[in-house]
Protein backbone atom coordinates (compact mmCIF):
# COMPACT_ATOMS: atom_id res chain seq x y z
CA UNK A 1 0.00 0.00 0.00
CA UNK A 2 2.84 2.41 0.89
CA UNK A 3 4.61 1.70 -2.43
CA UNK A 4 1.41 2.39 -4.38
CA UNK A 5 0.79 5.66 -2.55
CA UNK A 6 4.44 6.72 -3.00
CA UNK A 7 4.24 5.92 -6.74
CA UNK A 8 1.00 7.93 -7.06
CA UNK A 9 2.49 10.96 -5.30
CA UNK A 10 5.70 10.75 -7.37
CA UNK A 11 3.78 10.53 -10.66
CA UNK A 12 1.51 13.41 -9.63
CA UNK A 13 4.48 15.65 -8.90
CA UNK A 14 6.16 14.69 -12.17
CA UNK A 15 2.94 15.49 -14.06
CA UNK A 16 2.66 18.92 -12.43
CA UNK A 17 6.27 19.74 -13.31
CA UNK A 18 5.74 18.82 -16.97
CA UNK A 19 2.48 20.76 -17.50
CA UNK A 20 3.14 24.27 -18.95
CA UNK A 21 2.56 27.00 -16.37
CA UNK A 22 0.06 28.84 -18.57
CA UNK A 23 -2.41 25.96 -18.05
CA UNK A 24 -2.84 27.14 -14.44
CA UNK A 25 -3.17 30.84 -15.32
CA UNK A 26 -6.50 32.61 -15.45
CA UNK A 27 -8.66 32.73 -18.59
CA UNK A 28 -6.97 34.06 -21.71
CA UNK A 29 -10.24 35.41 -23.12
CA UNK A 30 -9.61 38.91 -21.81
CA UNK A 31 -6.43 40.86 -22.53
CA UNK A 32 -7.10 43.39 -19.79
CA UNK A 33 -5.21 41.86 -16.88
CA UNK A 34 -2.73 39.14 -17.65
CA UNK A 35 0.87 38.61 -18.65
CA UNK A 36 2.14 36.39 -21.48
CA UNK A 37 5.53 34.86 -22.09
CA UNK A 38 6.22 34.60 -25.82
CA UNK A 39 9.08 32.94 -27.65
CA UNK A 40 8.95 35.37 -30.54
CA UNK A 41 7.94 39.01 -30.65
CA UNK A 42 6.70 40.77 -33.75
CA UNK A 43 9.23 43.45 -34.66
CA UNK A 44 7.51 46.81 -34.91
CA UNK A 45 8.21 50.39 -33.99
CA UNK A 46 7.42 51.46 -30.42
CA UNK A 47 4.95 54.31 -30.04
CA UNK A 48 6.62 57.32 -28.43
CA UNK A 49 4.60 58.72 -25.54
CA UNK A 50 4.83 62.32 -24.39
CA UNK A 51 5.09 63.05 -20.68
CA UNK A 52 2.52 65.76 -19.89
CA UNK A 53 3.45 67.57 -16.67
CA UNK A 54 0.28 66.38 -14.92
CA UNK A 55 0.85 62.67 -15.63
CA UNK A 56 3.28 61.91 -12.80
CA UNK A 57 1.92 59.08 -10.66
CA UNK A 58 3.66 58.05 -7.48
CA UNK A 59 3.20 54.69 -5.83
CA UNK A 60 3.22 54.93 -2.05
CA UNK A 61 4.14 52.08 0.26
CA UNK A 62 2.17 49.03 -0.84
CA UNK A 63 3.41 46.01 1.12
CA UNK A 64 4.07 42.78 -0.72
CA UNK A 65 1.42 40.11 -0.06
CA UNK A 66 4.39 37.76 0.39
CA UNK A 67 5.59 39.85 3.34
CA UNK A 68 7.52 43.10 3.68
CA UNK A 69 8.80 44.88 0.60
CA UNK A 70 8.61 43.57 -2.96
CA UNK A 71 11.93 41.88 -3.81
CA UNK A 72 12.36 42.68 -7.50
CA UNK A 73 14.64 40.76 -9.86
CA UNK A 74 15.38 41.35 -13.54
CA UNK A 75 13.52 39.11 -16.00
CA UNK A 76 14.78 40.51 -19.31
CA UNK A 77 12.96 42.43 -22.00
CA UNK A 78 9.30 43.39 -21.75
CA UNK A 79 6.67 44.79 -24.09
CA UNK A 80 3.45 46.55 -23.09
CA UNK A 81 0.42 46.52 -25.39
CA UNK A 82 -2.60 48.78 -25.03
CA UNK A 83 -5.58 48.19 -27.32
CA UNK A 84 -3.48 45.90 -29.50
CA UNK A 85 -0.72 48.48 -30.05
CA UNK A 86 2.75 48.15 -28.59
CA UNK A 87 3.24 51.22 -26.41
CA UNK A 88 6.40 50.38 -24.48
CA UNK A 89 9.51 48.25 -24.85
CA UNK A 90 11.67 48.06 -21.75
CA UNK A 91 12.94 46.14 -18.75
CA UNK A 92 10.86 43.44 -17.03
CA UNK A 93 11.16 43.21 -13.24
CA UNK A 94 9.34 40.72 -11.03
CA UNK A 95 8.83 40.25 -7.30
CA UNK A 96 10.24 36.91 -6.17
CA UNK A 97 7.54 36.56 -3.49
CA UNK A 98 4.20 37.67 -4.99
CA UNK A 99 5.14 37.59 -8.73
CA UNK A 100 4.08 41.21 -9.40
CA UNK A 101 5.50 42.24 -12.79
CA UNK A 102 6.66 45.75 -13.75
CA UNK A 103 7.77 46.57 -17.29
CA UNK A 104 9.52 49.94 -17.27
CA UNK A 105 11.09 52.33 -19.73
CA UNK A 106 14.26 52.57 -17.62
CA UNK A 107 16.22 49.69 -16.12
CA UNK A 108 16.04 50.06 -12.32
CA UNK A 109 18.94 47.63 -11.84
CA UNK A 110 21.48 50.13 -13.20
CA UNK A 111 22.96 52.17 -10.34
CA UNK A 112 22.68 55.47 -12.24
CA UNK A 113 18.96 55.12 -13.02
CA UNK A 114 16.87 57.42 -10.84
CA UNK A 115 13.39 56.79 -12.29
CA UNK A 116 11.32 54.06 -13.93
CA UNK A 117 9.97 56.47 -16.53
CA UNK A 118 6.87 55.05 -18.19
CA UNK A 119 5.83 51.70 -16.74
CA UNK A 120 2.99 49.20 -16.41
CA UNK A 121 2.41 46.62 -13.68
CA UNK A 122 0.30 43.50 -13.19
CA UNK A 123 0.22 40.36 -11.14
CA UNK A 124 1.32 37.02 -12.58
CA UNK A 125 0.67 33.46 -11.46
CA UNK A 126 4.38 32.58 -11.42
CA UNK A 127 7.80 33.54 -12.79
CA UNK A 128 7.77 35.15 -16.24
CA UNK A 129 10.31 34.58 -18.99
CA UNK A 130 12.23 36.63 -21.49
CA UNK A 131 10.63 38.32 -23.31
CA UNK A 132 7.44 39.13 -21.41
CA UNK A 133 4.41 40.68 -23.10
CA UNK A 134 1.81 42.52 -21.01
CA UNK A 135 -1.66 43.57 -22.15
CA UNK A 136 -3.08 46.40 -20.08
CA UNK A 137 -5.27 49.51 -20.18
CA UNK A 138 -2.69 52.20 -19.45
CA UNK A 139 0.76 53.33 -18.42
CA UNK A 140 1.99 55.14 -15.33
CA UNK A 141 4.95 57.50 -15.00
CA UNK A 142 7.57 57.48 -12.25
CA UNK A 143 10.04 60.36 -12.04
CA UNK A 144 11.75 59.26 -8.81
CA UNK A 145 12.43 55.59 -8.09
CA UNK A 146 13.02 56.30 -4.38
CA UNK A 147 9.32 57.24 -4.10
CA UNK A 148 8.49 53.55 -4.67
CA UNK A 149 9.40 52.68 -1.07
CA UNK A 150 7.78 49.26 -1.09
CA UNK A 151 10.13 47.93 -3.79
CA UNK A 152 13.71 46.68 -3.44
CA UNK A 153 15.41 46.69 -6.86
C-alpha atoms as a PDB file:
ATOM      1  CA  UNK A   1       0.000   0.000   0.000  1.00  0.00           C
ATOM      2  CA  UNK A   2       2.835   2.411   0.888  1.00  0.00           C
ATOM      3  CA  UNK A   3       4.605   1.701  -2.431  1.00  0.00           C
ATOM      4  CA  UNK A   4       1.412   2.392  -4.378  1.00  0.00           C
ATOM      5  CA  UNK A   5       0.794   5.657  -2.554  1.00  0.00           C
ATOM      6  CA  UNK A   6       4.437   6.724  -2.999  1.00  0.00           C
ATOM      7  CA  UNK A   7       4.241   5.922  -6.741  1.00  0.00           C
ATOM      8  CA  UNK A   8       1.003   7.927  -7.058  1.00  0.00           C
ATOM      9  CA  UNK A   9       2.493  10.965  -5.297  1.00  0.00           C
ATOM     10  CA  UNK A  10       5.696  10.754  -7.369  1.00  0.00           C
ATOM     11  CA  UNK A  11       3.785  10.526 -10.657  1.00  0.00           C
ATOM     12  CA  UNK A  12       1.507  13.409  -9.628  1.00  0.00           C
ATOM     13  CA  UNK A  13       4.480  15.653  -8.900  1.00  0.00           C
ATOM     14  CA  UNK A  14       6.158  14.693 -12.175  1.00  0.00           C
ATOM     15  CA  UNK A  15       2.941  15.490 -14.058  1.00  0.00           C
ATOM     16  CA  UNK A  16       2.659  18.921 -12.430  1.00  0.00           C
ATOM     17  CA  UNK A  17       6.266  19.736 -13.308  1.00  0.00           C
ATOM     18  CA  UNK A  18       5.740  18.816 -16.967  1.00  0.00           C
ATOM     19  CA  UNK A  19       2.484  20.763 -17.496  1.00  0.00           C
ATOM     20  CA  UNK A  20       3.144  24.267 -18.947  1.00  0.00           C
ATOM     21  CA  UNK A  21       2.555  27.000 -16.373  1.00  0.00           C
ATOM     22  CA  UNK A  22       0.056  28.843 -18.567  1.00  0.00           C
ATOM     23  CA  UNK A  23      -2.408  25.962 -18.050  1.00  0.00           C
ATOM     24  CA  UNK A  24      -2.836  27.138 -14.436  1.00  0.00           C
ATOM     25  CA  UNK A  25      -3.167  30.841 -15.319  1.00  0.00           C
ATOM     26  CA  UNK A  26      -6.504  32.610 -15.454  1.00  0.00           C
ATOM     27  CA  UNK A  27      -8.662  32.733 -18.590  1.00  0.00           C
ATOM     28  CA  UNK A  28      -6.971  34.063 -21.713  1.00  0.00           C
ATOM     29  CA  UNK A  29     -10.244  35.409 -23.120  1.00  0.00           C
ATOM     30  CA  UNK A  30      -9.609  38.915 -21.805  1.00  0.00           C
ATOM     31  CA  UNK A  31      -6.430  40.856 -22.529  1.00  0.00           C
ATOM     32  CA  UNK A  32      -7.102  43.395 -19.790  1.00  0.00           C
ATOM     33  CA  UNK A  33      -5.209  41.857 -16.882  1.00  0.00           C
ATOM     34  CA  UNK A  34      -2.729  39.142 -17.645  1.00  0.00           C
ATOM     35  CA  UNK A  35       0.871  38.607 -18.649  1.00  0.00           C
ATOM     36  CA  UNK A  36       2.145  36.389 -21.479  1.00  0.00           C
ATOM     37  CA  UNK A  37       5.535  34.857 -22.090  1.00  0.00           C
ATOM     38  CA  UNK A  38       6.218  34.601 -25.825  1.00  0.00           C
ATOM     39  CA  UNK A  39       9.084  32.935 -27.651  1.00  0.00           C
ATOM     40  CA  UNK A  40       8.946  35.368 -30.545  1.00  0.00           C
ATOM     41  CA  UNK A  41       7.942  39.007 -30.654  1.00  0.00           C
ATOM     42  CA  UNK A  42       6.702  40.774 -33.749  1.00  0.00           C
ATOM     43  CA  UNK A  43       9.231  43.446 -34.661  1.00  0.00           C
ATOM     44  CA  UNK A  44       7.510  46.813 -34.911  1.00  0.00           C
ATOM     45  CA  UNK A  45       8.206  50.395 -33.986  1.00  0.00           C
ATOM     46  CA  UNK A  46       7.423  51.459 -30.423  1.00  0.00           C
ATOM     47  CA  UNK A  47       4.955  54.306 -30.037  1.00  0.00           C
ATOM     48  CA  UNK A  48       6.618  57.319 -28.433  1.00  0.00           C
ATOM     49  CA  UNK A  49       4.602  58.715 -25.536  1.00  0.00           C
ATOM     50  CA  UNK A  50       4.831  62.317 -24.391  1.00  0.00           C
ATOM     51  CA  UNK A  51       5.087  63.053 -20.679  1.00  0.00           C
ATOM     52  CA  UNK A  52       2.520  65.764 -19.888  1.00  0.00           C
ATOM     53  CA  UNK A  53       3.445  67.573 -16.675  1.00  0.00           C
ATOM     54  CA  UNK A  54       0.275  66.381 -14.923  1.00  0.00           C
ATOM     55  CA  UNK A  55       0.849  62.673 -15.626  1.00  0.00           C
ATOM     56  CA  UNK A  56       3.279  61.911 -12.797  1.00  0.00           C
ATOM     57  CA  UNK A  57       1.921  59.079 -10.659  1.00  0.00           C
ATOM     58  CA  UNK A  58       3.663  58.053  -7.476  1.00  0.00           C
ATOM     59  CA  UNK A  59       3.205  54.685  -5.826  1.00  0.00           C
ATOM     60  CA  UNK A  60       3.221  54.931  -2.050  1.00  0.00           C
ATOM     61  CA  UNK A  61       4.143  52.078   0.257  1.00  0.00           C
ATOM     62  CA  UNK A  62       2.171  49.028  -0.843  1.00  0.00           C
ATOM     63  CA  UNK A  63       3.406  46.008   1.122  1.00  0.00           C
ATOM     64  CA  UNK A  64       4.067  42.776  -0.723  1.00  0.00           C
ATOM     65  CA  UNK A  65       1.425  40.111  -0.061  1.00  0.00           C
ATOM     66  CA  UNK A  66       4.391  37.756   0.394  1.00  0.00           C
ATOM     67  CA  UNK A  67       5.588  39.853   3.342  1.00  0.00           C
ATOM     68  CA  UNK A  68       7.516  43.104   3.679  1.00  0.00           C
ATOM     69  CA  UNK A  69       8.795  44.883   0.604  1.00  0.00           C
ATOM     70  CA  UNK A  70       8.612  43.566  -2.964  1.00  0.00           C
ATOM     71  CA  UNK A  71      11.930  41.879  -3.805  1.00  0.00           C
ATOM     72  CA  UNK A  72      12.362  42.677  -7.499  1.00  0.00           C
ATOM     73  CA  UNK A  73      14.637  40.758  -9.863  1.00  0.00           C
ATOM     74  CA  UNK A  74      15.385  41.353 -13.542  1.00  0.00           C
ATOM     75  CA  UNK A  75      13.517  39.112 -16.000  1.00  0.00           C
ATOM     76  CA  UNK A  76      14.784  40.511 -19.311  1.00  0.00           C
ATOM     77  CA  UNK A  77      12.956  42.432 -22.001  1.00  0.00           C
ATOM     78  CA  UNK A  78       9.301  43.391 -21.754  1.00  0.00           C
ATOM     79  CA  UNK A  79       6.668  44.788 -24.092  1.00  0.00           C
ATOM     80  CA  UNK A  80       3.447  46.550 -23.092  1.00  0.00           C
ATOM     81  CA  UNK A  81       0.422  46.521 -25.386  1.00  0.00           C
ATOM     82  CA  UNK A  82      -2.598  48.779 -25.032  1.00  0.00           C
ATOM     83  CA  UNK A  83      -5.585  48.194 -27.324  1.00  0.00           C
ATOM     84  CA  UNK A  84      -3.480  45.898 -29.501  1.00  0.00           C
ATOM     85  CA  UNK A  85      -0.722  48.476 -30.047  1.00  0.00           C
ATOM     86  CA  UNK A  86       2.750  48.147 -28.593  1.00  0.00           C
ATOM     87  CA  UNK A  87       3.239  51.222 -26.406  1.00  0.00           C
ATOM     88  CA  UNK A  88       6.400  50.376 -24.481  1.00  0.00           C
ATOM     89  CA  UNK A  89       9.512  48.247 -24.847  1.00  0.00           C
ATOM     90  CA  UNK A  90      11.668  48.064 -21.751  1.00  0.00           C
ATOM     91  CA  UNK A  91      12.943  46.140 -18.752  1.00  0.00           C
ATOM     92  CA  UNK A  92      10.865  43.442 -17.034  1.00  0.00           C
ATOM     93  CA  UNK A  93      11.165  43.207 -13.240  1.00  0.00           C
ATOM     94  CA  UNK A  94       9.335  40.724 -11.032  1.00  0.00           C
ATOM     95  CA  UNK A  95       8.827  40.249  -7.303  1.00  0.00           C
ATOM     96  CA  UNK A  96      10.236  36.912  -6.167  1.00  0.00           C
ATOM     97  CA  UNK A  97       7.537  36.558  -3.495  1.00  0.00           C
ATOM     98  CA  UNK A  98       4.203  37.671  -4.991  1.00  0.00           C
ATOM     99  CA  UNK A  99       5.135  37.590  -8.729  1.00  0.00           C
ATOM    100  CA  UNK A 100       4.076  41.207  -9.404  1.00  0.00           C
ATOM    101  CA  UNK A 101       5.500  42.240 -12.791  1.00  0.00           C
ATOM    102  CA  UNK A 102       6.656  45.747 -13.748  1.00  0.00           C
ATOM    103  CA  UNK A 103       7.765  46.574 -17.291  1.00  0.00           C
ATOM    104  CA  UNK A 104       9.517  49.945 -17.270  1.00  0.00           C
ATOM    105  CA  UNK A 105      11.086  52.328 -19.735  1.00  0.00           C
ATOM    106  CA  UNK A 106      14.262  52.571 -17.621  1.00  0.00           C
ATOM    107  CA  UNK A 107      16.223  49.689 -16.120  1.00  0.00           C
ATOM    108  CA  UNK A 108      16.043  50.063 -12.317  1.00  0.00           C
ATOM    109  CA  UNK A 109      18.943  47.634 -11.840  1.00  0.00           C
ATOM    110  CA  UNK A 110      21.477  50.128 -13.195  1.00  0.00           C
ATOM    111  CA  UNK A 111      22.962  52.172 -10.342  1.00  0.00           C
ATOM    112  CA  UNK A 112      22.684  55.471 -12.241  1.00  0.00           C
ATOM    113  CA  UNK A 113      18.962  55.119 -13.019  1.00  0.00           C
ATOM    114  CA  UNK A 114      16.872  57.424 -10.837  1.00  0.00           C
ATOM    115  CA  UNK A 115      13.390  56.787 -12.286  1.00  0.00           C
ATOM    116  CA  UNK A 116      11.322  54.064 -13.928  1.00  0.00           C
ATOM    117  CA  UNK A 117       9.966  56.472 -16.530  1.00  0.00           C
ATOM    118  CA  UNK A 118       6.867  55.053 -18.189  1.00  0.00           C
ATOM    119  CA  UNK A 119       5.829  51.697 -16.745  1.00  0.00           C
ATOM    120  CA  UNK A 120       2.991  49.203 -16.406  1.00  0.00           C
ATOM    121  CA  UNK A 121       2.413  46.622 -13.679  1.00  0.00           C
ATOM    122  CA  UNK A 122       0.302  43.503 -13.190  1.00  0.00           C
ATOM    123  CA  UNK A 123       0.224  40.363 -11.138  1.00  0.00           C
ATOM    124  CA  UNK A 124       1.321  37.022 -12.580  1.00  0.00           C
ATOM    125  CA  UNK A 125       0.672  33.461 -11.461  1.00  0.00           C
ATOM    126  CA  UNK A 126       4.383  32.575 -11.421  1.00  0.00           C
ATOM    127  CA  UNK A 127       7.799  33.543 -12.791  1.00  0.00           C
ATOM    128  CA  UNK A 128       7.768  35.149 -16.243  1.00  0.00           C
ATOM    129  CA  UNK A 129      10.312  34.582 -18.990  1.00  0.00           C
ATOM    130  CA  UNK A 130      12.226  36.625 -21.492  1.00  0.00           C
ATOM    131  CA  UNK A 131      10.628  38.322 -23.308  1.00  0.00           C
ATOM    132  CA  UNK A 132       7.445  39.130 -21.413  1.00  0.00           C
ATOM    133  CA  UNK A 133       4.410  40.679 -23.097  1.00  0.00           C
ATOM    134  CA  UNK A 134       1.809  42.520 -21.007  1.00  0.00           C
ATOM    135  CA  UNK A 135      -1.657  43.566 -22.155  1.00  0.00           C
ATOM    136  CA  UNK A 136      -3.083  46.401 -20.077  1.00  0.00           C
ATOM    137  CA  UNK A 137      -5.270  49.507 -20.182  1.00  0.00           C
ATOM    138  CA  UNK A 138      -2.691  52.204 -19.452  1.00  0.00           C
ATOM    139  CA  UNK A 139       0.762  53.326 -18.421  1.00  0.00           C
ATOM    140  CA  UNK A 140       1.993  55.137 -15.325  1.00  0.00           C
ATOM    141  CA  UNK A 141       4.947  57.500 -14.999  1.00  0.00           C
ATOM    142  CA  UNK A 142       7.570  57.477 -12.246  1.00  0.00           C
ATOM    143  CA  UNK A 143      10.044  60.360 -12.036  1.00  0.00           C
ATOM    144  CA  UNK A 144      11.751  59.260  -8.807  1.00  0.00           C
ATOM    145  CA  UNK A 145      12.428  55.592  -8.086  1.00  0.00           C
ATOM    146  CA  UNK A 146      13.016  56.302  -4.383  1.00  0.00           C
ATOM    147  CA  UNK A 147       9.315  57.239  -4.095  1.00  0.00           C
ATOM    148  CA  UNK A 148       8.488  53.554  -4.668  1.00  0.00           C
ATOM    149  CA  UNK A 149       9.398  52.681  -1.074  1.00  0.00           C
ATOM    150  CA  UNK A 150       7.782  49.259  -1.086  1.00  0.00           C
ATOM    151  CA  UNK A 151      10.131  47.933  -3.785  1.00  0.00           C
ATOM    152  CA  UNK A 152      13.715  46.676  -3.438  1.00  0.00           C
ATOM    153  CA  UNK A 153      15.408  46.691  -6.861  1.00  0.00           C
END
